[in-house]
Amino acid sequence: MPELTVEINGRDYQVACDAGQEEHLTKLARYVDKKMGELVGSVGQIGDARLLVMTSLLIADELSDAYKQLESFDAETGDDGKESHAAMTSALETCAQRIESIAARFEHA
């Protein structure tokens, strides 16, 4: 299992991932770092654990909004979109699980 070093809020973390997922994990880490940087700009350096929790909640909120937009799209089109909706839901759930997994690894790093 490959391990990467990712930088979040100026700190390096060793994170393991599945083979072939290195680039994806790097992009996710950059996104989390960007969100955390925005948060630090608003509230300052309030501790890594608190920043990580707040950043995770912000990203979870974005995911929630994406679910709502998908539901709204289905309602507007009159298409129950069971197959496409199921595929999108599965993809979003996979993303959420990856985010939770990465956050857990950071907590234990």
N, C-alpha and C. Protein backbone atom coordinates (compact mmCIF):
# COMPACT_ATOMS: atom_id res chain seq x y z
N MET A 1 0.85 -1.17 0.00
CA MET A 1 0.00 0.00 0.00
C MET A 1 0.91 1.24 0.00
N PRO A 2 0.77 2.09 -1.02
CA PRO A 2 1.61 3.28 -1.10
C PRO A 2 1.33 4.26 0.04
N GLU A 3 2.38 4.96 0.44
CA GLU A 3 2.24 6.03 1.42
C GLU A 3 2.71 7.33 0.80
N LEU A 4 1.98 8.38 1.08
CA LEU A 4 2.31 9.71 0.58
C LEU A 4 2.52 10.64 1.75
N THR A 5 3.26 11.68 1.50
CA THR A 5 3.35 12.78 2.46
C THR A 5 2.51 13.91 1.88
N VAL A 6 1.51 14.33 2.63
CA VAL A 6 0.68 15.44 2.20
C VAL A 6 0.84 16.56 3.23
N GLU A 7 0.68 17.78 2.74
CA GLU A 7 0.82 18.94 3.63
C GLU A 7 -0.54 19.57 3.84
N ILE A 8 -0.90 19.70 5.09
CA ILE A 8 -2.15 20.35 5.49
C ILE A 8 -1.79 21.38 6.55
N ASN A 9 -2.14 22.62 6.28
CA ASN A 9 -1.90 23.70 7.24
C ASN A 9 -0.44 23.78 7.65
N GLY A 10 0.45 23.59 6.68
CA GLY A 10 1.87 23.71 6.97
C GLY A 10 2.51 22.52 7.65
N ARG A 11 1.76 21.45 7.86
CA ARG A 11 2.30 20.26 8.51
C ARG A 11 2.27 19.10 7.54
N ASP A 12 3.28 18.25 7.62
CA ASP A 12 3.34 17.06 6.78
C ASP A 12 2.71 15.89 7.50
N TYR A 13 1.93 15.10 6.73
CA TYR A 13 1.28 13.90 7.24
C TYR A 13 1.56 12.75 6.30
N GLN A 14 1.90 11.60 6.87
CA GLN A 14 2.05 10.38 6.09
C GLN A 14 0.68 9.73 6.00
N VAL A 15 0.25 9.47 4.77
CA VAL A 15 -1.07 8.89 4.55
C VAL A 15 -0.94 7.73 3.58
N ALA A 16 -1.55 6.62 3.92
CA ALA A 16 -1.56 5.46 3.03
C ALA A 16 -2.78 5.52 2.13
N CYS A 17 -2.65 4.93 0.95
CA CYS A 17 -3.77 4.88 0.03
C CYS A 17 -3.66 3.61 -0.82
N ASP A 18 -4.72 3.30 -1.53
CA ASP A 18 -4.68 2.17 -2.45
C ASP A 18 -3.78 2.49 -3.62
N ALA A 19 -3.19 1.46 -4.19
CA ALA A 19 -2.32 1.64 -5.35
C ALA A 19 -3.11 2.30 -6.47
N GLY A 20 -2.49 3.28 -7.11
CA GLY A 20 -3.15 4.00 -8.20
C GLY A 20 -3.96 5.19 -7.75
N GLN A 21 -4.09 5.40 -6.45
CA GLN A 21 -4.90 6.50 -5.91
C GLN A 21 -4.05 7.67 -5.44
N GLU A 22 -2.75 7.62 -5.71
CA GLU A 22 -1.85 8.64 -5.20
C GLU A 22 -2.21 10.04 -5.70
N GLU A 23 -2.44 10.18 -6.99
CA GLU A 23 -2.77 11.49 -7.54
C GLU A 23 -4.09 12.01 -6.99
N HIS A 24 -5.06 11.12 -6.87
CA HIS A 24 -6.37 11.50 -6.33
C HIS A 24 -6.23 11.97 -4.88
N LEU A 25 -5.47 11.23 -4.10
CA LEU A 25 -5.27 11.59 -2.70
C LEU A 25 -4.55 12.94 -2.59
N THR A 26 -3.58 13.16 -3.46
CA THR A 26 -2.86 14.44 -3.47
C THR A 26 -3.81 15.59 -3.75
N LYS A 27 -4.72 15.40 -4.71
CA LYS A 27 -5.71 16.44 -5.03
C LYS A 27 -6.64 16.68 -3.84
N LEU A 28 -7.07 15.60 -3.19
CA LEU A 28 -7.94 15.76 -2.02
C LEU A 28 -7.21 16.53 -0.91
N ALA A 29 -5.94 16.20 -0.70
CA ALA A 29 -5.17 16.88 0.34
C ALA A 29 -5.04 18.36 0.02
N ARG A 30 -4.82 18.69 -1.25
CA ARG A 30 -4.73 20.11 -1.63
C ARG A 30 -6.06 20.81 -1.36
N TYR A 31 -7.16 20.13 -1.64
CA TYR A 31 -8.47 20.72 -1.41
C TYR A 31 -8.69 20.96 0.08
N VAL A 32 -8.37 19.96 0.89
CA VAL A 32 -8.52 20.11 2.34
C VAL A 32 -7.61 21.24 2.85
N ASP A 33 -6.38 21.30 2.34
CA ASP A 33 -5.46 22.36 2.75
C ASP A 33 -6.01 23.73 2.37
N LYS A 34 -6.59 23.82 1.17
CA LYS A 34 -7.18 25.09 0.74
C LYS A 34 -8.33 25.50 1.66
N LYS A 35 -9.22 24.55 1.96
CA LYS A 35 -10.35 24.85 2.84
C LYS A 35 -9.86 25.24 4.23
N MET A 36 -8.86 24.52 4.72
CA MET A 36 -8.34 24.84 6.04
C MET A 36 -7.68 26.21 6.02
N GLY A 37 -6.98 26.54 4.95
CA GLY A 37 -6.37 27.86 4.83
C GLY A 37 -7.40 28.97 4.85
N GLU A 38 -8.52 28.75 4.18
CA GLU A 38 -9.61 29.73 4.21
C GLU A 38 -10.14 29.90 5.63
N LEU A 39 -10.26 28.78 6.33
CA LEU A 39 -10.76 28.82 7.70
C LEU A 39 -9.77 29.53 8.62
N VAL A 40 -8.49 29.24 8.45
CA VAL A 40 -7.46 29.91 9.26
C VAL A 40 -7.51 31.42 9.00
N GLY A 41 -7.77 31.79 7.75
CA GLY A 41 -7.90 33.21 7.44
C GLY A 41 -9.05 33.87 8.18
N SER A 42 -10.08 33.09 8.48
CA SER A 42 -11.26 33.62 9.17
C SER A 42 -11.13 33.59 10.69
N VAL A 43 -10.64 32.47 11.22
CA VAL A 43 -10.65 32.31 12.68
C VAL A 43 -9.25 32.24 13.30
N GLY A 44 -8.22 32.16 12.47
CA GLY A 44 -6.86 32.07 12.98
C GLY A 44 -6.46 30.64 13.31
N GLN A 45 -5.26 30.51 13.83
CA GLN A 45 -4.74 29.19 14.20
C GLN A 45 -5.31 28.82 15.57
N ILE A 46 -6.33 28.00 15.58
CA ILE A 46 -7.01 27.64 16.83
C ILE A 46 -6.70 26.21 17.25
N GLY A 47 -5.68 25.61 16.65
CA GLY A 47 -5.30 24.23 16.98
C GLY A 47 -5.68 23.30 15.84
N ASP A 48 -4.78 22.36 15.58
CA ASP A 48 -4.98 21.44 14.45
C ASP A 48 -6.27 20.63 14.56
N ALA A 49 -6.53 20.12 15.74
CA ALA A 49 -7.72 19.26 15.90
C ALA A 49 -9.00 20.05 15.63
N ARG A 50 -9.12 21.22 16.21
CA ARG A 50 -10.32 22.02 16.00
C ARG A 50 -10.45 22.45 14.55
N LEU A 51 -9.32 22.85 13.94
CA LEU A 51 -9.35 23.23 12.53
C LEU A 51 -9.76 22.06 11.65
N LEU A 52 -9.26 20.88 11.96
CA LEU A 52 -9.61 19.70 11.17
C LEU A 52 -11.10 19.38 11.29
N VAL A 53 -11.63 19.47 12.50
CA VAL A 53 -13.06 19.22 12.69
C VAL A 53 -13.89 20.26 11.94
N MET A 54 -13.53 21.52 12.07
CA MET A 54 -14.29 22.57 11.40
C MET A 54 -14.18 22.44 9.88
N THR A 55 -12.99 22.11 9.38
CA THR A 55 -12.81 21.92 7.94
C THR A 55 -13.63 20.74 7.46
N SER A 56 -13.63 19.65 8.22
CA SER A 56 -14.42 18.48 7.84
C SER A 56 -15.90 18.82 7.78
N LEU A 57 -16.37 19.63 8.72
CA LEU A 57 -17.78 20.03 8.72
C LEU A 57 -18.10 20.91 7.52
N LEU A 58 -17.18 21.80 7.15
CA LEU A 58 -17.40 22.63 5.96
C LEU A 58 -17.50 21.77 4.70
N ILE A 59 -16.61 20.79 4.59
CA ILE A 59 -16.63 19.91 3.42
C ILE A 59 -17.89 19.03 3.44
N ALA A 60 -18.29 18.57 4.61
CA ALA A 60 -19.53 17.79 4.72
C ALA A 60 -20.73 18.63 4.32
N ASP A 61 -20.70 19.92 4.65
CA ASP A 61 -21.77 20.83 4.25
C ASP A 61 -21.83 20.95 2.73
N GLU A 62 -20.67 21.05 2.10
CA GLU A 62 -20.63 21.09 0.63
C GLU A 62 -21.21 19.81 0.04
N LEU A 63 -20.88 18.68 0.63
CA LEU A 63 -21.41 17.40 0.17
C LEU A 63 -22.93 17.36 0.33
N SER A 64 -23.41 17.87 1.45
CA SER A 64 -24.85 17.93 1.68
C SER A 64 -25.54 18.79 0.63
N ASP A 65 -24.93 19.93 0.31
CA ASP A 65 -25.48 20.79 -0.73
C ASP A 65 -25.52 20.08 -2.08
N ALA A 66 -24.49 19.29 -2.37
CA ALA A 66 -24.46 18.54 -3.63
C ALA A 66 -25.61 17.54 -3.69
N TYR A 67 -25.88 16.86 -2.56
CA TYR A 67 -27.01 15.94 -2.50
C TYR A 67 -28.33 16.68 -2.76
N LYS A 68 -28.49 17.84 -2.13
CA LYS A 68 -29.71 18.63 -2.32
C LYS A 68 -29.88 19.07 -3.76
N GLN A 69 -28.79 19.50 -4.40
CA GLN A 69 -28.85 19.91 -5.80
C GLN A 69 -29.25 18.74 -6.69
N LEU A 70 -28.73 17.57 -6.39
CA LEU A 70 -29.08 16.38 -7.17
C LEU A 70 -30.56 16.07 -7.02
N GLU A 71 -31.06 16.14 -5.81
CA GLU A 71 -32.48 15.89 -5.57
C GLU A 71 -33.33 16.94 -6.27
N SER A 72 -32.91 18.20 -6.22
CA SER A 72 -33.64 19.28 -6.86
C SER A 72 -33.66 19.08 -8.37
N PHE A 73 -32.54 18.68 -8.94
CA PHE A 73 -32.46 18.42 -10.37
C PHE A 73 -33.43 17.32 -10.76
N ASP A 74 -33.46 16.25 -9.99
CA ASP A 74 -34.38 15.15 -10.28
C ASP A 74 -35.84 15.64 -10.22
N ALA A 75 -36.15 16.48 -9.24
CA ALA A 75 -37.51 16.99 -9.10
C ALA A 75 -37.88 17.91 -10.26
N GLU A 76 -36.94 18.76 -10.68
CA GLU A 76 -37.20 19.70 -11.77
C GLU A 76 -37.40 19.00 -13.11
N THR A 77 -36.65 17.94 -13.33
CA THR A 77 -36.74 17.25 -14.61
C THR A 77 -37.88 16.25 -14.63
N GLY A 78 -38.46 15.99 -13.48
CA GLY A 78 -39.54 15.00 -13.42
C GLY A 78 -39.03 13.60 -13.63
N ASP A 79 -37.74 13.47 -13.61
CA ASP A 79 -37.11 12.17 -13.82
C ASP A 79 -36.69 11.64 -12.46
N ASP A 80 -37.20 10.46 -12.13
CA ASP A 80 -36.76 9.93 -10.85
C ASP A 80 -35.30 9.52 -10.92
N GLY A 81 -34.79 9.36 -12.13
CA GLY A 81 -33.37 9.14 -12.35
C GLY A 81 -32.79 8.07 -11.46
N LYS A 82 -33.54 6.99 -11.27
CA LYS A 82 -33.10 5.98 -10.32
C LYS A 82 -31.69 5.49 -10.61
N GLU A 83 -31.41 5.21 -11.88
CA GLU A 83 -30.08 4.69 -12.19
C GLU A 83 -29.01 5.77 -12.05
N SER A 84 -29.26 6.95 -12.64
CA SER A 84 -28.25 8.00 -12.54
C SER A 84 -28.14 8.51 -11.11
N HIS A 85 -29.27 8.59 -10.43
CA HIS A 85 -29.26 9.04 -9.04
C HIS A 85 -28.49 8.05 -8.18
N ALA A 86 -28.71 6.77 -8.40
CA ALA A 86 -28.00 5.75 -7.63
C ALA A 86 -26.50 5.83 -7.88
N ALA A 87 -26.12 6.06 -9.12
CA ALA A 87 -24.70 6.16 -9.45
C ALA A 87 -24.08 7.39 -8.79
N MET A 88 -24.79 8.52 -8.87
CA MET A 88 -24.28 9.75 -8.26
C MET A 88 -24.22 9.61 -6.74
N THR A 89 -25.24 9.02 -6.16
CA THR A 89 -25.27 8.82 -4.71
C THR A 89 -24.10 7.95 -4.28
N SER A 90 -23.88 6.89 -5.03
CA SER A 90 -22.76 6.00 -4.72
C SER A 90 -21.43 6.74 -4.82
N ALA A 91 -21.26 7.54 -5.86
CA ALA A 91 -20.02 8.30 -6.02
C ALA A 91 -19.83 9.30 -4.88
N LEU A 92 -20.90 9.99 -4.50
CA LEU A 92 -20.81 10.96 -3.40
C LEU A 92 -20.52 10.27 -2.08
N GLU A 93 -21.14 9.11 -1.86
CA GLU A 93 -20.88 8.37 -0.63
C GLU A 93 -19.44 7.89 -0.57
N THR A 94 -18.92 7.45 -1.72
CA THR A 94 -17.52 7.04 -1.78
C THR A 94 -16.61 8.20 -1.44
N CYS A 95 -16.91 9.38 -1.99
CA CYS A 95 -16.12 10.58 -1.66
C CYS A 95 -16.20 10.89 -0.17
N ALA A 96 -17.38 10.81 0.38
CA ALA A 96 -17.55 11.10 1.80
C ALA A 96 -16.75 10.12 2.65
N GLN A 97 -16.78 8.84 2.27
CA GLN A 97 -16.02 7.84 3.02
C GLN A 97 -14.52 8.10 2.93
N ARG A 98 -14.07 8.50 1.74
CA ARG A 98 -12.64 8.81 1.59
C ARG A 98 -12.26 10.00 2.46
N ILE A 99 -13.10 11.03 2.47
CA ILE A 99 -12.83 12.21 3.29
C ILE A 99 -12.77 11.81 4.77
N GLU A 100 -13.73 11.00 5.20
CA GLU A 100 -13.74 10.57 6.60
C GLU A 100 -12.50 9.74 6.92
N SER A 101 -12.10 8.87 5.99
CA SER A 101 -10.92 8.04 6.19
C SER A 101 -9.66 8.90 6.30
N ILE A 102 -9.54 9.88 5.42
CA ILE A 102 -8.38 10.77 5.45
C ILE A 102 -8.37 11.57 6.75
N ALA A 103 -9.53 12.07 7.16
CA ALA A 103 -9.61 12.83 8.41
C ALA A 103 -9.20 11.96 9.60
N ALA A 104 -9.63 10.71 9.59
CA ALA A 104 -9.26 9.80 10.69
C ALA A 104 -7.76 9.55 10.71
N ARG A 105 -7.16 9.40 9.53
CA ARG A 105 -5.71 9.19 9.47
C ARG A 105 -4.97 10.41 9.99
N PHE A 106 -5.47 11.61 9.68
CA PHE A 106 -4.82 12.83 10.17
C PHE A 106 -4.93 12.92 11.69
N GLU A 107 -6.06 12.52 12.23
CA GLU A 107 -6.23 12.57 13.68
C GLU A 107 -5.24 11.67 14.38
N HIS A 108 -4.90 10.54 13.76
CA HIS A 108 -4.01 9.57 14.38
C HIS A 108 -2.56 9.77 14.00
N ALA A 109 -2.29 10.77 13.17
CA ALA A 109 -0.90 11.02 12.73
C ALA A 109 -0.13 11.78 13.78
